[in-house]
């Protein structure tokens, strides 16, 4: 099992989660982060750090987000590792408010 980043991260790319990750399982593109399921050690440290609740244990994903299991598995290994906290995307705070956080 692994943790999964979902669409709440899209357009935000807050990196609080990567700062607490003990392994380099987070990868990112210009819009969001993904977790490589082969690298994730299932510690869950990232979950409470995400300000937009984008990260789920894959066994607890809502039905409408199950496609993110495959999306993370496909995209993460092809993207650069993100292992240091950085600035969120421009507009991230607005997106956070739109998501209700």
PDB file of N, CA and C in Angstrom:
ATOM      1  N   UNK A   1       0.842  -1.183   0.000  1.00  0.00           N
ATOM      2  CA  UNK A   1       0.000   0.000   0.000  1.00  0.00           C
ATOM      3  C   UNK A   1       0.889   1.249   0.000  1.00  0.00           C
ATOM      4  N   UNK A   2       0.303   2.338  -0.436  1.00  0.00           N
ATOM      5  CA  UNK A   2       1.028   3.599  -0.481  1.00  0.00           C
ATOM      6  C   UNK A   2       0.056   4.744  -0.259  1.00  0.00           C
ATOM      7  N   UNK A   3       0.609   5.902  -0.107  1.00  0.00           N
ATOM      8  CA  UNK A   3      -0.206   7.099  -0.033  1.00  0.00           C
ATOM      9  C   UNK A   3      -0.281   7.695  -1.428  1.00  0.00           C
ATOM     10  N   UNK A   4      -1.363   8.417  -1.692  1.00  0.00           N
ATOM     11  CA  UNK A   4      -1.673   8.911  -3.023  1.00  0.00           C
ATOM     12  C   UNK A   4      -1.961  10.404  -2.962  1.00  0.00           C
ATOM     13  N   UNK A   5      -1.413  11.167  -3.903  1.00  0.00           N
ATOM     14  CA  UNK A   5      -1.743  12.580  -4.046  1.00  0.00           C
ATOM     15  C   UNK A   5      -2.888  12.677  -5.048  1.00  0.00           C
ATOM     16  N   UNK A   6      -3.902  13.456  -4.697  1.00  0.00           N
ATOM     17  CA  UNK A   6      -5.082  13.605  -5.551  1.00  0.00           C
ATOM     18  C   UNK A   6      -5.165  15.011  -6.134  1.00  0.00           C
ATOM     19  N   UNK A   7      -6.242  15.247  -6.855  1.00  0.00           N
ATOM     20  CA  UNK A   7      -6.427  16.495  -7.588  1.00  0.00           C
ATOM     21  C   UNK A   7      -6.496  17.744  -6.725  1.00  0.00           C
ATOM     22  N   UNK A   8      -6.665  17.655  -5.430  1.00  0.00           N
ATOM     23  CA  UNK A   8      -6.638  18.862  -4.601  1.00  0.00           C
ATOM     24  C   UNK A   8      -5.279  19.550  -4.680  1.00  0.00           C
ATOM     25  N   UNK A   9      -4.245  18.810  -4.997  1.00  0.00           N
ATOM     26  CA  UNK A   9      -2.899  19.385  -5.120  1.00  0.00           C
ATOM     27  C   UNK A   9      -2.739  20.187  -6.416  1.00  0.00           C
ATOM     28  N   UNK A  10      -3.520  19.854  -7.420  1.00  0.00           N
ATOM     29  CA  UNK A  10      -3.397  20.488  -8.730  1.00  0.00           C
ATOM     30  C   UNK A  10      -3.646  21.989  -8.627  1.00  0.00           C
ATOM     31  N   UNK A  11      -2.670  22.765  -9.024  1.00  0.00           N
ATOM     32  CA  UNK A  11      -2.776  24.211  -8.976  1.00  0.00           C
ATOM     33  C   UNK A  11      -2.280  24.820  -7.674  1.00  0.00           C
ATOM     34  N   UNK A  12      -1.935  23.990  -6.724  1.00  0.00           N
ATOM     35  CA  UNK A  12      -1.423  24.469  -5.423  1.00  0.00           C
ATOM     36  C   UNK A  12       0.062  24.184  -5.294  1.00  0.00           C
ATOM     37  N   UNK A  13       0.354  22.900  -5.273  1.00  0.00           N
ATOM     38  CA  UNK A  13       1.716  22.399  -5.093  1.00  0.00           C
ATOM     39  C   UNK A  13       2.376  22.942  -3.831  1.00  0.00           C
ATOM     40  N   UNK A  14       1.611  22.868  -2.735  1.00  0.00           N
ATOM     41  CA  UNK A  14       2.210  23.134  -1.428  1.00  0.00           C
ATOM     42  C   UNK A  14       3.205  21.995  -1.187  1.00  0.00           C
ATOM     43  N   UNK A  15       4.326  22.284  -0.588  1.00  0.00           N
ATOM     44  CA  UNK A  15       5.349  21.254  -0.400  1.00  0.00           C
ATOM     45  C   UNK A  15       5.638  20.970   1.072  1.00  0.00           C
ATOM     46  N   UNK A  16       4.699  21.308   1.931  1.00  0.00           N
ATOM     47  CA  UNK A  16       4.857  20.997   3.354  1.00  0.00           C
ATOM     48  C   UNK A  16       5.068  19.494   3.546  1.00  0.00           C
ATOM     49  N   UNK A  17       4.398  18.702   2.719  1.00  0.00           N
ATOM     50  CA  UNK A  17       4.458  17.238   2.813  1.00  0.00           C
ATOM     51  C   UNK A  17       5.854  16.694   2.556  1.00  0.00           C
ATOM     52  N   UNK A  18       6.567  17.254   1.604  1.00  0.00           N
ATOM     53  CA  UNK A  18       7.889  16.720   1.265  1.00  0.00           C
ATOM     54  C   UNK A  18       8.900  16.985   2.365  1.00  0.00           C
ATOM     55  N   UNK A  19       8.681  18.039   3.139  1.00  0.00           N
ATOM     56  CA  UNK A  19       9.615  18.398   4.208  1.00  0.00           C
ATOM     57  C   UNK A  19       9.635  17.363   5.327  1.00  0.00           C
ATOM     58  N   UNK A  20       8.559  16.599   5.483  1.00  0.00           N
ATOM     59  CA  UNK A  20       8.489  15.600   6.562  1.00  0.00           C
ATOM     60  C   UNK A  20       8.669  14.174   6.061  1.00  0.00           C
ATOM     61  N   UNK A  21       8.762  13.995   4.765  1.00  0.00           N
ATOM     62  CA  UNK A  21       8.885  12.655   4.188  1.00  0.00           C
ATOM     63  C   UNK A  21      10.295  12.103   4.441  1.00  0.00           C
ATOM     64  N   UNK A  22      10.386  10.911   5.068  1.00  0.00           N
ATOM     65  CA  UNK A  22      11.711  10.357   5.349  1.00  0.00           C
ATOM     66  C   UNK A  22      12.389   9.700   4.152  1.00  0.00           C
ATOM     67  N   UNK A  23      11.663   9.551   3.048  1.00  0.00           N
ATOM     68  CA  UNK A  23      12.230   8.993   1.821  1.00  0.00           C
ATOM     69  C   UNK A  23      11.896   9.930   0.660  1.00  0.00           C
ATOM     70  N   UNK A  24      12.547   9.755  -0.455  1.00  0.00           N
ATOM     71  CA  UNK A  24      12.317  10.626  -1.602  1.00  0.00           C
ATOM     72  C   UNK A  24      11.219  10.068  -2.510  1.00  0.00           C
ATOM     73  N   UNK A  25       9.986  10.015  -1.998  1.00  0.00           N
ATOM     74  CA  UNK A  25       8.910   9.428  -2.801  1.00  0.00           C
ATOM     75  C   UNK A  25       8.071  10.468  -3.530  1.00  0.00           C
ATOM     76  N   UNK A  26       8.254  11.753  -3.224  1.00  0.00           N
ATOM     77  CA  UNK A  26       7.481  12.795  -3.900  1.00  0.00           C
ATOM     78  C   UNK A  26       8.181  13.240  -5.174  1.00  0.00           C
ATOM     79  N   UNK A  27       7.410  13.393  -6.211  1.00  0.00           N
ATOM     80  CA  UNK A  27       7.885  13.873  -7.502  1.00  0.00           C
ATOM     81  C   UNK A  27       6.915  14.953  -7.946  1.00  0.00           C
ATOM     82  N   UNK A  28       7.369  15.848  -8.813  1.00  0.00           N
ATOM     83  CA  UNK A  28       6.477  16.929  -9.203  1.00  0.00           C
ATOM     84  C   UNK A  28       6.633  17.382 -10.629  1.00  0.00           C
ATOM     85  N   UNK A  29       5.514  17.889 -11.148  1.00  0.00           N
ATOM     86  CA  UNK A  29       5.533  18.581 -12.434  1.00  0.00           C
ATOM     87  C   UNK A  29       5.200  20.044 -12.166  1.00  0.00           C
ATOM     88  N   UNK A  30       4.888  20.795 -13.189  1.00  0.00           N
ATOM     89  CA  UNK A  30       4.645  22.226 -13.008  1.00  0.00           C
ATOM     90  C   UNK A  30       3.345  22.522 -12.277  1.00  0.00           C
ATOM     91  N   UNK A  31       2.461  21.537 -12.122  1.00  0.00           N
ATOM     92  CA  UNK A  31       1.159  21.779 -11.505  1.00  0.00           C
ATOM     93  C   UNK A  31       0.944  21.150 -10.144  1.00  0.00           C
ATOM     94  N   UNK A  32       1.573  20.012  -9.891  1.00  0.00           N
ATOM     95  CA  UNK A  32       1.276  19.299  -8.649  1.00  0.00           C
ATOM     96  C   UNK A  32       2.353  18.284  -8.305  1.00  0.00           C
ATOM     97  N   UNK A  33       2.156  17.620  -7.179  1.00  0.00           N
ATOM     98  CA  UNK A  33       3.048  16.567  -6.710  1.00  0.00           C
ATOM     99  C   UNK A  33       2.400  15.203  -6.899  1.00  0.00           C
ATOM    100  N   UNK A  34       3.233  14.174  -6.905  1.00  0.00           N
ATOM    101  CA  UNK A  34       2.776  12.780  -7.009  1.00  0.00           C
ATOM    102  C   UNK A  34       3.655  11.955  -6.072  1.00  0.00           C
ATOM    103  N   UNK A  35       3.138  10.820  -5.633  1.00  0.00           N
ATOM    104  CA  UNK A  35       3.908   9.912  -4.799  1.00  0.00           C
ATOM    105  C   UNK A  35       4.224   8.654  -5.595  1.00  0.00           C
ATOM    106  N   UNK A  36       5.494   8.281  -5.599  1.00  0.00           N
ATOM    107  CA  UNK A  36       5.910   7.041  -6.240  1.00  0.00           C
ATOM    108  C   UNK A  36       5.583   5.897  -5.279  1.00  0.00           C
ATOM    109  N   UNK A  37       4.639   5.023  -5.644  1.00  0.00           N
ATOM    110  CA  UNK A  37       4.243   3.957  -4.726  1.00  0.00           C
ATOM    111  C   UNK A  37       5.358   2.959  -4.435  1.00  0.00           C
ATOM    112  N   UNK A  38       6.343   2.887  -5.313  1.00  0.00           N
ATOM    113  CA  UNK A  38       7.477   2.001  -5.083  1.00  0.00           C
ATOM    114  C   UNK A  38       8.464   2.539  -4.060  1.00  0.00           C
ATOM    115  N   UNK A  39       8.400   3.833  -3.805  1.00  0.00           N
ATOM    116  CA  UNK A  39       9.300   4.474  -2.849  1.00  0.00           C
ATOM    117  C   UNK A  39       8.629   4.783  -1.516  1.00  0.00           C
ATOM    118  N   UNK A  40       7.323   4.963  -1.518  1.00  0.00           N
ATOM    119  CA  UNK A  40       6.571   5.319  -0.302  1.00  0.00           C
ATOM    120  C   UNK A  40       6.681   4.186   0.715  1.00  0.00           C
ATOM    121  N   UNK A  41       6.983   4.538   1.963  1.00  0.00           N
ATOM    122  CA  UNK A  41       7.109   3.530   3.022  1.00  0.00           C
ATOM    123  C   UNK A  41       5.872   3.493   3.919  1.00  0.00           C
ATOM    124  N   UNK A  42       4.810   4.145   3.508  1.00  0.00           N
ATOM    125  CA  UNK A  42       3.522   4.111   4.215  1.00  0.00           C
ATOM    126  C   UNK A  42       3.581   4.667   5.637  1.00  0.00           C
ATOM    127  N   UNK A  43       4.408   5.645   5.861  1.00  0.00           N
ATOM    128  CA  UNK A  43       4.520   6.190   7.217  1.00  0.00           C
ATOM    129  C   UNK A  43       3.378   7.144   7.550  1.00  0.00           C
ATOM    130  N   UNK A  44       2.833   7.817   6.542  1.00  0.00           N
ATOM    131  CA  UNK A  44       1.715   8.729   6.762  1.00  0.00           C
ATOM    132  C   UNK A  44       2.093  10.094   7.295  1.00  0.00           C
ATOM    133  N   UNK A  45       3.375  10.384   7.421  1.00  0.00           N
ATOM    134  CA  UNK A  45       3.803  11.677   7.960  1.00  0.00           C
ATOM    135  C   UNK A  45       3.332  12.851   7.108  1.00  0.00           C
ATOM    136  N   UNK A  46       3.159  12.626   5.833  1.00  0.00           N
ATOM    137  CA  UNK A  46       2.779  13.689   4.901  1.00  0.00           C
ATOM    138  C   UNK A  46       1.316  14.115   5.024  1.00  0.00           C
ATOM    139  N   UNK A  47       0.459  13.207   5.423  1.00  0.00           N
ATOM    140  CA  UNK A  47      -0.987  13.461   5.395  1.00  0.00           C
ATOM    141  C   UNK A  47      -1.390  14.699   6.198  1.00  0.00           C
ATOM    142  N   UNK A  48      -1.021  14.815   7.471  1.00  0.00           N
ATOM    143  CA  UNK A  48      -1.467  15.987   8.221  1.00  0.00           C
ATOM    144  C   UNK A  48      -0.791  17.294   7.796  1.00  0.00           C
ATOM    145  N   UNK A  49       0.281  17.204   7.023  1.00  0.00           N
ATOM    146  CA  UNK A  49       0.999  18.401   6.590  1.00  0.00           C
ATOM    147  C   UNK A  49       0.363  19.084   5.375  1.00  0.00           C
ATOM    148  N   UNK A  50      -0.458  18.365   4.642  1.00  0.00           N
ATOM    149  CA  UNK A  50      -1.038  18.925   3.418  1.00  0.00           C
ATOM    150  C   UNK A  50      -2.177  19.886   3.763  1.00  0.00           C
ATOM    151  N   UNK A  51      -2.026  21.163   3.416  1.00  0.00           N
ATOM    152  CA  UNK A  51      -3.043  22.148   3.781  1.00  0.00           C
ATOM    153  C   UNK A  51      -4.328  22.064   2.954  1.00  0.00           C
ATOM    154  N   UNK A  52      -4.337  21.223   1.910  1.00  0.00           N
ATOM    155  CA  UNK A  52      -5.548  21.077   1.088  1.00  0.00           C
ATOM    156  C   UNK A  52      -6.069  19.643   1.090  1.00  0.00           C
ATOM    157  N   UNK A  53      -5.597  18.836   2.036  1.00  0.00           N
ATOM    158  CA  UNK A  53      -6.043  17.449   2.193  1.00  0.00           C
ATOM    159  C   UNK A  53      -6.046  16.678   0.869  1.00  0.00           C
ATOM    160  N   UNK A  54      -4.911  16.759   0.177  1.00  0.00           N
ATOM    161  CA  UNK A  54      -4.775  16.101  -1.124  1.00  0.00           C
ATOM    162  C   UNK A  54      -4.213  14.690  -1.017  1.00  0.00           C
ATOM    163  N   UNK A  55      -3.730  14.281   0.144  1.00  0.00           N
ATOM    164  CA  UNK A  55      -3.031  13.000   0.287  1.00  0.00           C
ATOM    165  C   UNK A  55      -3.885  12.016   1.081  1.00  0.00           C
ATOM    166  N   UNK A  56      -4.030  10.821   0.520  1.00  0.00           N
ATOM    167  CA  UNK A  56      -4.831   9.767   1.142  1.00  0.00           C
ATOM    168  C   UNK A  56      -4.047   8.461   1.180  1.00  0.00           C
ATOM    169  N   UNK A  57      -4.337   7.653   2.184  1.00  0.00           N
ATOM    170  CA  UNK A  57      -3.930   6.257   2.162  1.00  0.00           C
ATOM    171  C   UNK A  57      -4.725   5.633   1.019  1.00  0.00           C
ATOM    172  N   UNK A  58      -4.095   4.880   0.159  1.00  0.00           N
ATOM    173  CA  UNK A  58      -4.812   4.370  -1.013  1.00  0.00           C
ATOM    174  C   UNK A  58      -6.000   3.492  -0.636  1.00  0.00           C
ATOM    175  N   UNK A  59      -5.975   2.889   0.549  1.00  0.00           N
ATOM    176  CA  UNK A  59      -7.110   2.061   0.970  1.00  0.00           C
ATOM    177  C   UNK A  59      -8.291   2.906   1.437  1.00  0.00           C
ATOM    178  N   UNK A  60      -8.069   4.208   1.623  1.00  0.00           N
ATOM    179  CA  UNK A  60      -9.127   5.088   2.106  1.00  0.00           C
ATOM    180  C   UNK A  60      -9.533   6.140   1.087  1.00  0.00           C
ATOM    181  N   UNK A  61      -9.114   5.966  -0.145  1.00  0.00           N
ATOM    182  CA  UNK A  61      -9.485   6.916  -1.193  1.00  0.00           C
ATOM    183  C   UNK A  61     -10.989   6.884  -1.438  1.00  0.00           C
ATOM    184  N   UNK A  62     -11.621   8.041  -1.541  1.00  0.00           N
ATOM    185  CA  UNK A  62     -13.024   8.053  -1.950  1.00  0.00           C
ATOM    186  C   UNK A  62     -13.142   7.464  -3.360  1.00  0.00           C
ATOM    187  N   UNK A  63     -14.277   6.884  -3.675  1.00  0.00           N
ATOM    188  CA  UNK A  63     -14.474   6.258  -4.982  1.00  0.00           C
ATOM    189  C   UNK A  63     -14.180   7.200  -6.143  1.00  0.00           C
ATOM    190  N   UNK A  64     -14.522   8.481  -5.995  1.00  0.00           N
ATOM    191  CA  UNK A  64     -14.318   9.422  -7.096  1.00  0.00           C
ATOM    192  C   UNK A  64     -12.859   9.849  -7.269  1.00  0.00           C
ATOM    193  N   UNK A  65     -11.968   9.312  -6.442  1.00  0.00           N
ATOM    194  CA  UNK A  65     -10.537   9.644  -6.555  1.00  0.00           C
ATOM    195  C   UNK A  65      -9.663   8.417  -6.806  1.00  0.00           C
ATOM    196  N   UNK A  66     -10.260   7.279  -7.016  1.00  0.00           N
ATOM    197  CA  UNK A  66      -9.496   6.028  -7.205  1.00  0.00           C
ATOM    198  C   UNK A  66      -8.559   6.084  -8.412  1.00  0.00           C
ATOM    199  N   UNK A  67      -8.902   6.863  -9.434  1.00  0.00           N
ATOM    200  CA  UNK A  67      -8.051   6.956 -10.624  1.00  0.00           C
ATOM    201  C   UNK A  67      -6.679   7.526 -10.297  1.00  0.00           C
ATOM    202  N   UNK A  68      -6.545   8.212  -9.155  1.00  0.00           N
ATOM    203  CA  UNK A  68      -5.267   8.810  -8.779  1.00  0.00           C
ATOM    204  C   UNK A  68      -4.227   7.775  -8.366  1.00  0.00           C
ATOM    205  N   UNK A  69      -4.647   6.567  -8.062  1.00  0.00           N
ATOM    206  CA  UNK A  69      -3.681   5.493  -7.774  1.00  0.00           C
ATOM    207  C   UNK A  69      -2.828   5.262  -9.018  1.00  0.00           C
ATOM    208  N   UNK A  70      -3.470   5.078 -10.140  1.00  0.00           N
ATOM    209  CA  UNK A  70      -2.758   4.828 -11.392  1.00  0.00           C
ATOM    210  C   UNK A  70      -2.012   6.073 -11.877  1.00  0.00           C
ATOM    211  N   UNK A  71      -2.614   7.237 -11.712  1.00  0.00           N
ATOM    212  CA  UNK A  71      -1.967   8.477 -12.148  1.00  0.00           C
ATOM    213  C   UNK A  71      -0.649   8.673 -11.402  1.00  0.00           C
ATOM    214  N   UNK A  72      -0.653   8.492 -10.078  1.00  0.00           N
ATOM    215  CA  UNK A  72       0.584   8.619  -9.299  1.00  0.00           C
ATOM    216  C   UNK A  72       1.611   7.588  -9.743  1.00  0.00           C
ATOM    217  N   UNK A  73       1.172   6.335  -9.907  1.00  0.00           N
ATOM    218  CA  UNK A  73       2.089   5.251 -10.296  1.00  0.00           C
ATOM    219  C   UNK A  73       2.718   5.508 -11.657  1.00  0.00           C
ATOM    220  N   UNK A  74       1.969   6.083 -12.578  1.00  0.00           N
ATOM    221  CA  UNK A  74       2.495   6.338 -13.917  1.00  0.00           C
ATOM    222  C   UNK A  74       3.375   7.575 -13.974  1.00  0.00           C
ATOM    223  N   UNK A  75       2.954   8.652 -13.326  1.00  0.00           N
ATOM    224  CA  UNK A  75       3.657   9.924 -13.478  1.00  0.00           C
ATOM    225  C   UNK A  75       4.871  10.084 -12.573  1.00  0.00           C
ATOM    226  N   UNK A  76       4.753   9.676 -11.321  1.00  0.00           N
ATOM    227  CA  UNK A  76       5.825   9.945 -10.353  1.00  0.00           C
ATOM    228  C   UNK A  76       7.202   9.469 -10.821  1.00  0.00           C
ATOM    229  N   UNK A  77       7.342   8.219 -11.280  1.00  0.00           N
ATOM    230  CA  UNK A  77       8.687   7.751 -11.638  1.00  0.00           C
ATOM    231  C   UNK A  77       9.327   8.514 -12.806  1.00  0.00           C
ATOM    232  N   UNK A  78       8.535   9.206 -13.590  1.00  0.00           N
ATOM    233  CA  UNK A  78       9.047   9.926 -14.758  1.00  0.00           C
ATOM    234  C   UNK A  78       9.405  11.376 -14.448  1.00  0.00           C
ATOM    235  N   UNK A  79       9.108  11.822 -13.235  1.00  0.00           N
ATOM    236  CA  UNK A  79       9.295  13.233 -12.884  1.00  0.00           C
ATOM    237  C   UNK A  79      10.417  13.397 -11.863  1.00  0.00           C
ATOM    238  N   UNK A  80      10.948  14.620 -11.749  1.00  0.00           N
ATOM    239  CA  UNK A  80      12.019  14.858 -10.772  1.00  0.00           C
ATOM    240  C   UNK A  80      11.530  14.714  -9.326  1.00  0.00           C
ATOM    241  N   UNK A  81      12.434  14.269  -8.478  1.00  0.00           N
ATOM    242  CA  UNK A  81      12.161  14.175  -7.052  1.00  0.00           C
ATOM    243  C   UNK A  81      12.012  15.586  -6.488  1.00  0.00           C
ATOM    244  N   UNK A  82      11.051  15.744  -5.588  1.00  0.00           N
ATOM    245  CA  UNK A  82      10.881  16.990  -4.842  1.00  0.00           C
ATOM    246  C   UNK A  82      11.047  16.611  -3.373  1.00  0.00           C
ATOM    247  N   UNK A  83      12.144  17.065  -2.766  1.00  0.00           N
ATOM    248  CA  UNK A  83      12.405  16.682  -1.384  1.00  0.00           C
ATOM    249  C   UNK A  83      12.751  17.866  -0.484  1.00  0.00           C
ATOM    250  N   UNK A  84      12.496  19.065  -0.981  1.00  0.00           N
ATOM    251  CA  UNK A  84      12.710  20.259  -0.173  1.00  0.00           C
ATOM    252  C   UNK A  84      11.496  21.167  -0.295  1.00  0.00           C
ATOM    253  N   UNK A  85      11.127  21.774   0.824  1.00  0.00           N
ATOM    254  CA  UNK A  85       9.991  22.687   0.828  1.00  0.00           C
ATOM    255  C   UNK A  85      10.302  23.886  -0.053  1.00  0.00           C
ATOM    256  N   UNK A  86       9.341  24.242  -0.869  1.00  0.00           N
ATOM    257  CA  UNK A  86       9.482  25.390  -1.744  1.00  0.00           C
ATOM    258  C   UNK A  86       8.222  26.237  -1.710  1.00  0.00           C
ATOM    259  N   UNK A  87       8.205  27.232  -2.524  1.00  0.00           N
ATOM    260  CA  UNK A  87       7.045  28.119  -2.602  1.00  0.00           C
ATOM    261  C   UNK A  87       5.901  27.424  -3.344  1.00  0.00           C
ATOM    262  N   UNK A  88       4.675  27.584  -2.863  1.00  0.00           N
ATOM    263  CA  UNK A  88       3.539  27.044  -3.610  1.00  0.00           C
ATOM    264  C   UNK A  88       3.362  27.829  -4.912  1.00  0.00           C
ATOM    265  N   UNK A  89       2.540  27.302  -5.774  1.00  0.00           N
ATOM    266  CA  UNK A  89       2.278  27.970  -7.041  1.00  0.00           C
ATOM    267  C   UNK A  89       1.567  29.298  -6.837  1.00  0.00           C
ATOM    268  N   UNK A  90       1.768  30.254  -7.748  1.00  0.00           N
ATOM    269  CA  UNK A  90       0.962  31.473  -7.672  1.00  0.00           C
ATOM    270  C   UNK A  90      -0.521  31.081  -7.758  1.00  0.00           C
ATOM    271  N   UNK A  91      -1.313  31.655  -6.923  1.00  0.00           N
ATOM    272  CA  UNK A  91      -2.730  31.312  -6.903  1.00  0.00           C
ATOM    273  C   UNK A  91      -3.080  30.159  -5.986  1.00  0.00           C
ATOM    274  N   UNK A  92      -2.085  29.586  -5.313  1.00  0.00           N
ATOM    275  CA  UNK A  92      -2.328  28.434  -4.440  1.00  0.00           C
ATOM    276  C   UNK A  92      -3.247  28.790  -3.273  1.00  0.00           C
ATOM    277  N   UNK A  93      -3.064  29.954  -2.695  1.00  0.00           N
ATOM    278  CA  UNK A  93      -3.915  30.352  -1.569  1.00  0.00           C
ATOM    279  C   UNK A  93      -5.367  30.521  -2.018  1.00  0.00           C
ATOM    280  N   UNK A  94      -5.551  31.057  -3.209  1.00  0.00           N
ATOM    281  CA  UNK A  94      -6.910  31.201  -3.741  1.00  0.00           C
ATOM    282  C   UNK A  94      -7.536  29.823  -3.964  1.00  0.00           C
ATOM    283  N   UNK A  95      -6.768  28.911  -4.544  1.00  0.00           N
ATOM    284  CA  UNK A  95      -7.270  27.558  -4.767  1.00  0.00           C
ATOM    285  C   UNK A  95      -7.598  26.883  -3.436  1.00  0.00           C
ATOM    286  N   UNK A  96      -6.759  27.084  -2.445  1.00  0.00           N
ATOM    287  CA  UNK A  96      -7.001  26.531  -1.122  1.00  0.00           C
ATOM    288  C   UNK A  96      -8.349  27.010  -0.576  1.00  0.00           C
ATOM    289  N   UNK A  97      -8.629  28.295  -0.724  1.00  0.00           N
ATOM    290  CA  UNK A  97      -9.912  28.840  -0.283  1.00  0.00           C
ATOM    291  C   UNK A  97     -11.065  28.253  -1.080  1.00  0.00           C
ATOM    292  N   UNK A  98     -10.881  28.109  -2.388  1.00  0.00           N
ATOM    293  CA  UNK A  98     -11.929  27.520  -3.239  1.00  0.00           C
ATOM    294  C   UNK A  98     -12.238  26.094  -2.822  1.00  0.00           C
ATOM    295  N   UNK A  99     -11.223  25.368  -2.344  1.00  0.00           N
ATOM    296  CA  UNK A  99     -11.409  23.996  -1.890  1.00  0.00           C
ATOM    297  C   UNK A  99     -12.023  23.927  -0.491  1.00  0.00           C
ATOM    298  N   UNK A 100     -12.144  25.076   0.159  1.00  0.00           N
ATOM    299  CA  UNK A 100     -12.758  25.126   1.479  1.00  0.00           C
ATOM    300  C   UNK A 100     -11.813  24.985   2.649  1.00  0.00           C
ATOM    301  N   UNK A 101     -10.539  25.284   2.433  1.00  0.00           N
ATOM    302  CA  UNK A 101      -9.554  25.178   3.511  1.00  0.00           C
ATOM    303  C   UNK A 101      -9.007  26.534   3.887  1.00  0.00           C
TER     304      UNK A 101
END
